[in-house]
Amino acid sequence: MLYLKESQETESAKRILSNKNNSSVFEFRGIMKEKIDLRLQKTYIALHTNFKQLLEEKRFEELTVNELCERSMIRRSTFYKHFTDKYDYFSFFLQEITASFRDSLSSKEITEDVGSYLTHMCRELVRFIKTNERLVQNIKTSDLFSVLMRIMLDEINSDFYRVLTQNYQETMTKSQLQGTAAFYAGGMINTLFQYLKQNSPIDENQFIDIITPHFHLEKTAHKMQR
């Protein structure tokens, strides 16, 4: 029964990942956040706060939509109106965290120096891990650790692709933009995965030194002509 449950949960996660790129709701929930009405914003804040608390208390597979809704004081029907399941919400949760990493940057800083932007995102990710040790520990010890990391990879990849498109769509094809975003996101998340898997302490400067030498967009973008 446990194997069946894990298989069903893994299939659910795979479905979320395969449908994500074709779902406009993800873009609406993140990038268009300022247009969401106040009541819905309060719902999202309650869900975010309580989901984070639950992840600090237990592993992802032990967390249920029922208890998330009870703690957030919202109806299950409200949750399912906006999210397919807990995997869908986990993806949104990561999207909101990724957006918070950008809060200290101006739009000018994001568009004028993409290399610095990517470095900033790496640094913020390491700092988030260090300030949320219990949450990270429960994700790391989860039977679904690799699945959750894959969802995180997809979120970071989507963010990098969006920023690269804003800056290099005139000099790079769509496939080049997708490949570059996948390369940078993959390097960042897979390096993180190895640190967590081996229970190695993450030194912020060391992590940055490993990742950032590959951020040479200003030099390489003009070589990737259509």
C-alpha atoms as a PDB file:
ATOM      1  CA  MET A   1       0.000   0.000   0.000  1.00  0.00           C
ATOM      2  CA  LEU A   2       2.848   2.373   0.793  1.00  0.00           C
ATOM      3  CA  TYR A   3       4.432   1.647  -2.585  1.00  0.00           C
ATOM      4  CA  LEU A   4       1.128   2.279  -4.321  1.00  0.00           C
ATOM      5  CA  LYS A   5       0.655   5.572  -2.481  1.00  0.00           C
ATOM      6  CA  GLU A   6       4.182   6.737  -3.345  1.00  0.00           C
ATOM      7  CA  SER A   7       3.664   5.735  -6.979  1.00  0.00           C
ATOM      8  CA  GLN A   8       0.427   7.670  -7.150  1.00  0.00           C
ATOM      9  CA  GLU A   9       2.070  10.722  -5.590  1.00  0.00           C
ATOM     10  CA  THR A  10       4.996  10.515  -8.015  1.00  0.00           C
ATOM     11  CA  GLU A  11       2.610  10.293 -10.965  1.00  0.00           C
ATOM     12  CA  SER A  12       0.764  13.323  -9.626  1.00  0.00           C
ATOM     13  CA  ALA A  13       4.022  15.268  -9.472  1.00  0.00           C
ATOM     14  CA  LYS A  14       4.944  14.204 -13.002  1.00  0.00           C
ATOM     15  CA  ARG A  15       1.577  15.425 -14.243  1.00  0.00           C
ATOM     16  CA  ILE A  16       2.126  18.821 -12.609  1.00  0.00           C
ATOM     17  CA  LEU A  17       5.559  19.094 -14.212  1.00  0.00           C
ATOM     18  CA  SER A  18       4.353  18.074 -17.668  1.00  0.00           C
ATOM     19  CA  ASN A  19       1.384  20.450 -17.602  1.00  0.00           C
ATOM     20  CA  LYS A  20       3.166  23.384 -15.986  1.00  0.00           C
ATOM     21  CA  ASN A  21       4.625  24.933 -19.112  1.00  0.00           C
ATOM     22  CA  ASN A  22       1.221  24.876 -20.788  1.00  0.00           C
ATOM     23  CA  SER A  23      -0.685  26.374 -17.867  1.00  0.00           C
ATOM     24  CA  SER A  24      -1.294  30.122 -17.867  1.00  0.00           C
ATOM     25  CA  VAL A  25      -2.422  29.973 -14.233  1.00  0.00           C
ATOM     26  CA  PHE A  26       1.199  29.754 -13.082  1.00  0.00           C
ATOM     27  CA  GLU A  27       2.056  32.966 -14.865  1.00  0.00           C
ATOM     28  CA  PHE A  28      -1.050  34.661 -13.501  1.00  0.00           C
ATOM     29  CA  ARG A  29      -0.403  33.605  -9.910  1.00  0.00           C
ATOM     30  CA  GLY A  30       3.172  34.880  -9.916  1.00  0.00           C
ATOM     31  CA  ILE A  31       3.904  37.648 -12.412  1.00  0.00           C
ATOM     32  CA  MET A  32       0.396  39.135 -12.348  1.00  0.00           C
ATOM     33  CA  LYS A  33       0.131  39.077  -8.548  1.00  0.00           C
ATOM     34  CA  GLU A  34      -0.520  42.804  -8.266  1.00  0.00           C
ATOM     35  CA  LYS A  35      -3.838  42.337 -10.095  1.00  0.00           C
ATOM     36  CA  ILE A  36      -5.187  39.722  -7.667  1.00  0.00           C
ATOM     37  CA  ASP A  37      -7.941  40.982  -5.386  1.00  0.00           C
ATOM     38  CA  LEU A  38      -7.281  41.531  -1.676  1.00  0.00           C
ATOM     39  CA  ARG A  39      -9.297  38.527  -0.479  1.00  0.00           C
ATOM     40  CA  LEU A  40      -7.363  36.153  -2.721  1.00  0.00           C
ATOM     41  CA  GLN A  41      -4.065  37.697  -1.635  1.00  0.00           C
ATOM     42  CA  LYS A  42      -5.005  37.004   1.996  1.00  0.00           C
ATOM     43  CA  THR A  43      -5.793  33.405   1.067  1.00  0.00           C
ATOM     44  CA  TYR A  44      -2.400  33.004  -0.598  1.00  0.00           C
ATOM     45  CA  ILE A  45      -0.613  34.557   2.386  1.00  0.00           C
ATOM     46  CA  ALA A  46      -2.393  32.210   4.803  1.00  0.00           C
ATOM     47  CA  LEU A  47      -1.563  29.191   2.666  1.00  0.00           C
ATOM     48  CA  HIS A  48       2.068  30.233   2.272  1.00  0.00           C
ATOM     49  CA  THR A  49       2.566  30.825   6.010  1.00  0.00           C
ATOM     50  CA  ASN A  50       0.956  27.570   7.082  1.00  0.00           C
ATOM     51  CA  PHE A  51       2.476  25.452   4.332  1.00  0.00           C
ATOM     52  CA  LYS A  52       5.910  26.663   5.409  1.00  0.00           C
ATOM     53  CA  GLN A  53       5.118  25.811   9.028  1.00  0.00           C
ATOM     54  CA  LEU A  54       3.919  22.334   8.081  1.00  0.00           C
ATOM     55  CA  LEU A  55       7.067  21.677   6.070  1.00  0.00           C
ATOM     56  CA  GLU A  56       9.062  22.591   9.172  1.00  0.00           C
ATOM     57  CA  GLU A  57       7.106  20.031  11.200  1.00  0.00           C
ATOM     58  CA  LYS A  58       6.888  17.052   8.864  1.00  0.00           C
ATOM     59  CA  ARG A  59       7.968  15.570   5.561  1.00  0.00           C
ATOM     60  CA  PHE A  60       6.121  16.496   2.395  1.00  0.00           C
ATOM     61  CA  GLU A  61       4.453  13.085   1.954  1.00  0.00           C
ATOM     62  CA  GLU A  62       2.995  13.344   5.473  1.00  0.00           C
ATOM     63  CA  LEU A  63       1.421  16.713   4.771  1.00  0.00           C
ATOM     64  CA  THR A  64      -2.202  16.749   3.616  1.00  0.00           C
ATOM     65  CA  VAL A  65      -4.366  19.322   1.904  1.00  0.00           C
ATOM     66  CA  ASN A  66      -6.918  18.901   4.702  1.00  0.00           C
ATOM     67  CA  GLU A  67      -4.585  20.078   7.465  1.00  0.00           C
ATOM     68  CA  LEU A  68      -3.223  22.871   5.295  1.00  0.00           C
ATOM     69  CA  CYS A  69      -6.760  24.144   4.741  1.00  0.00           C
ATOM     70  CA  GLU A  70      -7.676  23.759   8.420  1.00  0.00           C
ATOM     71  CA  ARG A  71      -4.649  25.739   9.568  1.00  0.00           C
ATOM     72  CA  SER A  72      -5.191  28.372   6.908  1.00  0.00           C
ATOM     73  CA  MET A  73      -8.899  28.547   7.798  1.00  0.00           C
ATOM     74  CA  ILE A  74     -10.015  28.118   4.219  1.00  0.00           C
ATOM     75  CA  ARG A  75     -12.359  25.604   2.618  1.00  0.00           C
ATOM     76  CA  ARG A  76     -11.046  22.672   0.622  1.00  0.00           C
ATOM     77  CA  SER A  77     -13.179  23.851  -2.279  1.00  0.00           C
ATOM     78  CA  THR A  78     -11.330  27.182  -2.212  1.00  0.00           C
ATOM     79  CA  PHE A  79      -7.975  25.417  -2.315  1.00  0.00           C
ATOM     80  CA  TYR A  80      -8.992  23.180  -5.210  1.00  0.00           C
ATOM     81  CA  LYS A  81     -10.379  26.137  -7.098  1.00  0.00           C
ATOM     82  CA  HIS A  82      -6.814  27.416  -7.489  1.00  0.00           C
ATOM     83  CA  PHE A  83      -4.590  24.333  -7.076  1.00  0.00           C
ATOM     84  CA  THR A  84      -4.800  20.779  -8.366  1.00  0.00           C
ATOM     85  CA  ASP A  85      -3.139  19.154  -5.336  1.00  0.00           C
ATOM     86  CA  LYS A  86      -0.281  19.642  -2.895  1.00  0.00           C
ATOM     87  CA  TYR A  87       2.303  19.234  -5.671  1.00  0.00           C
ATOM     88  CA  ASP A  88       0.687  22.048  -7.585  1.00  0.00           C
ATOM     89  CA  TYR A  89       0.768  24.177  -4.465  1.00  0.00           C
ATOM     90  CA  PHE A  90       4.411  23.264  -3.744  1.00  0.00           C
ATOM     91  CA  SER A  91       5.277  24.547  -7.210  1.00  0.00           C
ATOM     92  CA  PHE A  92       3.447  27.796  -6.500  1.00  0.00           C
ATOM     93  CA  PHE A  93       5.101  28.031  -3.070  1.00  0.00           C
ATOM     94  CA  LEU A  94       8.514  27.849  -4.750  1.00  0.00           C
ATOM     95  CA  GLN A  95       7.418  30.397  -7.326  1.00  0.00           C
ATOM     96  CA  GLU A  96       6.564  32.832  -4.551  1.00  0.00           C
ATOM     97  CA  ILE A  97       9.908  32.212  -2.839  1.00  0.00           C
ATOM     98  CA  THR A  98      11.752  32.781  -6.107  1.00  0.00           C
ATOM     99  CA  ALA A  99       9.847  36.034  -6.558  1.00  0.00           C
ATOM    100  CA  SER A 100      10.883  37.115  -3.052  1.00  0.00           C
ATOM    101  CA  PHE A 101      14.538  36.625  -4.039  1.00  0.00           C
ATOM    102  CA  ARG A 102      14.035  39.366  -6.653  1.00  0.00           C
ATOM    103  CA  ASP A 103      12.530  41.862  -4.225  1.00  0.00           C
ATOM    104  CA  SER A 104      15.834  43.555  -3.428  1.00  0.00           C
ATOM    105  CA  LEU A 105      16.609  44.105  -7.112  1.00  0.00           C
ATOM    106  CA  SER A 106      15.291  46.888  -9.322  1.00  0.00           C
ATOM    107  CA  SER A 107      14.001  46.100 -12.798  1.00  0.00           C
ATOM    108  CA  LYS A 108      17.027  47.961 -14.162  1.00  0.00           C
ATOM    109  CA  GLU A 109      19.409  45.656 -12.272  1.00  0.00           C
ATOM    110  CA  ILE A 110      17.619  42.613 -13.660  1.00  0.00           C
ATOM    111  CA  THR A 111      17.685  43.770 -17.277  1.00  0.00           C
ATOM    112  CA  GLU A 112      21.115  45.412 -17.476  1.00  0.00           C
ATOM    113  CA  ASP A 113      23.270  42.693 -15.913  1.00  0.00           C
ATOM    114  CA  VAL A 114      21.794  39.225 -16.182  1.00  0.00           C
ATOM    115  CA  GLY A 115      24.984  37.628 -14.867  1.00  0.00           C
ATOM    116  CA  SER A 116      24.678  39.599 -11.640  1.00  0.00           C
ATOM    117  CA  TYR A 117      20.998  38.686 -11.460  1.00  0.00           C
ATOM    118  CA  LEU A 118      21.757  34.971 -11.701  1.00  0.00           C
ATOM    119  CA  THR A 119      24.486  35.312  -9.077  1.00  0.00           C
ATOM    120  CA  HIS A 120      22.056  37.150  -6.807  1.00  0.00           C
ATOM    121  CA  MET A 121      19.507  34.325  -7.173  1.00  0.00           C
ATOM    122  CA  CYS A 122      22.166  31.741  -6.252  1.00  0.00           C
ATOM    123  CA  ARG A 123      23.140  33.720  -3.176  1.00  0.00           C
ATOM    124  CA  GLU A 124      19.531  34.182  -2.060  1.00  0.00           C
ATOM    125  CA  LEU A 125      18.843  30.462  -2.471  1.00  0.00           C
ATOM    126  CA  VAL A 126      21.777  29.548  -0.217  1.00  0.00           C
ATOM    127  CA  ARG A 127      20.654  32.092   2.382  1.00  0.00           C
ATOM    128  CA  PHE A 128      17.103  30.718   2.306  1.00  0.00           C
ATOM    129  CA  ILE A 129      18.447  27.216   2.958  1.00  0.00           C
ATOM    130  CA  LYS A 130      20.530  28.405   5.897  1.00  0.00           C
ATOM    131  CA  THR A 131      17.660  30.328   7.507  1.00  0.00           C
ATOM    132  CA  ASN A 132      15.132  27.499   7.044  1.00  0.00           C
ATOM    133  CA  GLU A 133      17.091  24.502   8.279  1.00  0.00           C
ATOM    134  CA  ARG A 134      14.145  22.478   9.617  1.00  0.00           C
ATOM    135  CA  LEU A 135      12.151  22.912   6.414  1.00  0.00           C
ATOM    136  CA  VAL A 136      15.143  21.935   4.267  1.00  0.00           C
ATOM    137  CA  GLN A 137      15.901  18.939   6.498  1.00  0.00           C
ATOM    138  CA  ASN A 138      12.360  17.607   6.095  1.00  0.00           C
ATOM    139  CA  ILE A 139      12.536  18.028   2.327  1.00  0.00           C
ATOM    140  CA  LYS A 140      15.956  16.387   2.234  1.00  0.00           C
ATOM    141  CA  THR A 141      14.787  13.332   4.215  1.00  0.00           C
ATOM    142  CA  SER A 142      11.567  13.001   2.244  1.00  0.00           C
ATOM    143  CA  ASP A 143      11.056   9.874   0.160  1.00  0.00           C
ATOM    144  CA  LEU A 144      10.083  12.308  -2.578  1.00  0.00           C
ATOM    145  CA  PHE A 145      13.261  14.392  -2.305  1.00  0.00           C
ATOM    146  CA  SER A 146      14.285  13.916  -5.948  1.00  0.00           C
ATOM    147  CA  VAL A 147      10.756  14.734  -7.133  1.00  0.00           C
ATOM    148  CA  LEU A 148      10.640  17.920  -5.036  1.00  0.00           C
ATOM    149  CA  MET A 149      14.061  18.951  -6.345  1.00  0.00           C
ATOM    150  CA  ARG A 150      12.802  18.420  -9.878  1.00  0.00           C
ATOM    151  CA  ILE A 151       9.882  20.756  -9.189  1.00  0.00           C
ATOM    152  CA  MET A 152      12.346  23.302  -7.790  1.00  0.00           C
ATOM    153  CA  LEU A 153      14.511  22.917 -10.888  1.00  0.00           C
ATOM    154  CA  ASP A 154      11.529  23.613 -13.135  1.00  0.00           C
ATOM    155  CA  GLU A 155      10.638  26.757 -11.185  1.00  0.00           C
ATOM    156  CA  ILE A 156      14.192  28.145 -11.322  1.00  0.00           C
ATOM    157  CA  ASN A 157      14.431  27.199 -14.991  1.00  0.00           C
ATOM    158  CA  SER A 158      11.187  29.061 -15.750  1.00  0.00           C
ATOM    159  CA  ASP A 159      12.451  32.147 -13.918  1.00  0.00           C
ATOM    160  CA  PHE A 160      15.806  32.129 -15.726  1.00  0.00           C
ATOM    161  CA  TYR A 161      14.093  31.623 -19.094  1.00  0.00           C
ATOM    162  CA  ARG A 162      11.794  34.586 -18.462  1.00  0.00           C
ATOM    163  CA  VAL A 163      14.717  36.885 -17.592  1.00  0.00           C
ATOM    164  CA  LEU A 164      16.836  35.675 -20.508  1.00  0.00           C
ATOM    165  CA  THR A 165      13.949  36.214 -22.902  1.00  0.00           C
ATOM    166  CA  GLN A 166      13.535  39.794 -21.696  1.00  0.00           C
ATOM    167  CA  ASN A 167      17.179  40.521 -22.425  1.00  0.00           C
ATOM    168  CA  TYR A 168      18.279  38.313 -25.325  1.00  0.00           C
ATOM    169  CA  GLN A 169      15.259  37.538 -27.488  1.00  0.00           C
ATOM    170  CA  GLU A 170      16.719  39.716 -30.275  1.00  0.00           C
ATOM    171  CA  THR A 171      20.016  37.800 -30.403  1.00  0.00           C
ATOM    172  CA  MET A 172      19.034  34.266 -29.377  1.00  0.00           C
ATOM    173  CA  THR A 173      16.454  31.845 -30.733  1.00  0.00           C
ATOM    174  CA  LYS A 174      13.800  30.335 -28.494  1.00  0.00           C
ATOM    175  CA  SER A 175      15.633  27.000 -28.389  1.00  0.00           C
ATOM    176  CA  GLN A 176      18.888  28.787 -27.461  1.00  0.00           C
ATOM    177  CA  LEU A 177      17.122  30.670 -24.682  1.00  0.00           C
ATOM    178  CA  GLN A 178      15.565  27.457 -23.387  1.00  0.00           C
ATOM    179  CA  GLY A 179      18.873  25.610 -23.540  1.00  0.00           C
ATOM    180  CA  THR A 180      20.760  28.404 -21.770  1.00  0.00           C
ATOM    181  CA  ALA A 181      18.142  28.656 -19.021  1.00  0.00           C
ATOM    182  CA  ALA A 182      18.199  24.868 -18.559  1.00  0.00           C
ATOM    183  CA  PHE A 183      22.015  24.887 -18.383  1.00  0.00           C
ATOM    184  CA  TYR A 184      22.172  27.602 -15.712  1.00  0.00           C
ATOM    185  CA  ALA A 185      19.238  26.282 -13.666  1.00  0.00           C
ATOM    186  CA  GLY A 186      20.518  22.721 -13.915  1.00  0.00           C
ATOM    187  CA  GLY A 187      23.989  23.711 -12.734  1.00  0.00           C
ATOM    188  CA  MET A 188      22.581  25.654  -9.805  1.00  0.00           C
ATOM    189  CA  ILE A 189      20.024  23.074  -8.607  1.00  0.00           C
ATOM    190  CA  ASN A 190      22.102  19.961  -9.274  1.00  0.00           C
ATOM    191  CA  THR A 191      25.056  21.440  -7.387  1.00  0.00           C
ATOM    192  CA  LEU A 192      22.676  22.185  -4.524  1.00  0.00           C
ATOM    193  CA  PHE A 193      21.267  18.648  -4.790  1.00  0.00           C
ATOM    194  CA  GLN A 194      24.738  17.150  -4.327  1.00  0.00           C
ATOM    195  CA  TYR A 195      25.424  19.293  -1.268  1.00  0.00           C
ATOM    196  CA  LEU A 196      22.133  18.291   0.348  1.00  0.00           C
ATOM    197  CA  LYS A 197      22.387  14.630  -0.622  1.00  0.00           C
ATOM    198  CA  GLN A 198      25.841  14.350   0.931  1.00  0.00           C
ATOM    199  CA  ASN A 199      24.818  16.348   4.023  1.00  0.00           C
ATOM    200  CA  SER A 200      27.628  18.773   3.272  1.00  0.00           C
ATOM    201  CA  PRO A 201      27.528  22.255   4.793  1.00  0.00           C
ATOM    202  CA  ILE A 202      26.950  24.891   2.126  1.00  0.00           C
ATOM    203  CA  ASP A 203      29.420  27.749   2.144  1.00  0.00           C
ATOM    204  CA  GLU A 204      27.812  30.707   0.374  1.00  0.00           C
ATOM    205  CA  ASN A 205      31.002  32.024  -1.247  1.00  0.00           C
ATOM    206  CA  GLN A 206      32.152  28.569  -2.291  1.00  0.00           C
ATOM    207  CA  PHE A 207      28.768  27.824  -3.861  1.00  0.00           C
ATOM    208  CA  ILE A 208      28.874  31.128  -5.760  1.00  0.00           C
ATOM    209  CA  ASP A 209      32.443  30.447  -6.923  1.00  0.00           C
ATOM    210  CA  ILE A 210      31.365  27.083  -8.352  1.00  0.00           C
ATOM    211  CA  ILE A 211      28.342  28.413 -10.228  1.00  0.00           C
ATOM    212  CA  THR A 212      29.105  31.954 -11.397  1.00  0.00           C
ATOM    213  CA  PRO A 213      32.132  31.379 -13.686  1.00  0.00           C
ATOM    214  CA  HIS A 214      29.636  30.052 -16.230  1.00  0.00           C
ATOM    215  CA  PHE A 215      27.536  33.239 -16.258  1.00  0.00           C
ATOM    216  CA  HIS A 216      29.083  34.915 -19.315  1.00  0.00           C
ATOM    217  CA  LEU A 217      25.964  35.952 -21.156  1.00  0.00           C
ATOM    218  CA  GLU A 218      27.168  39.381 -22.249  1.00  0.00           C
ATOM    219  CA  LYS A 219      30.131  37.780 -23.973  1.00  0.00           C
ATOM    220  CA  THR A 220      28.375  34.822 -25.542  1.00  0.00           C
ATOM    221  CA  ALA A 221      24.953  36.143 -26.541  1.00  0.00           C
ATOM    222  CA  HIS A 222      26.214  37.813 -29.711  1.00  0.00           C
ATOM    223  CA  LYS A 223      27.814  34.551 -30.843  1.00  0.00           C
ATOM    224  CA  MET A 224      24.431  32.792 -30.780  1.00  0.00           C
ATOM    225  CA  GLN A 225      22.966  34.453 -33.831  1.00  0.00           C
ATOM    226  CA  ARG A 226      19.824  33.185 -35.472  1.00  0.00           C
END
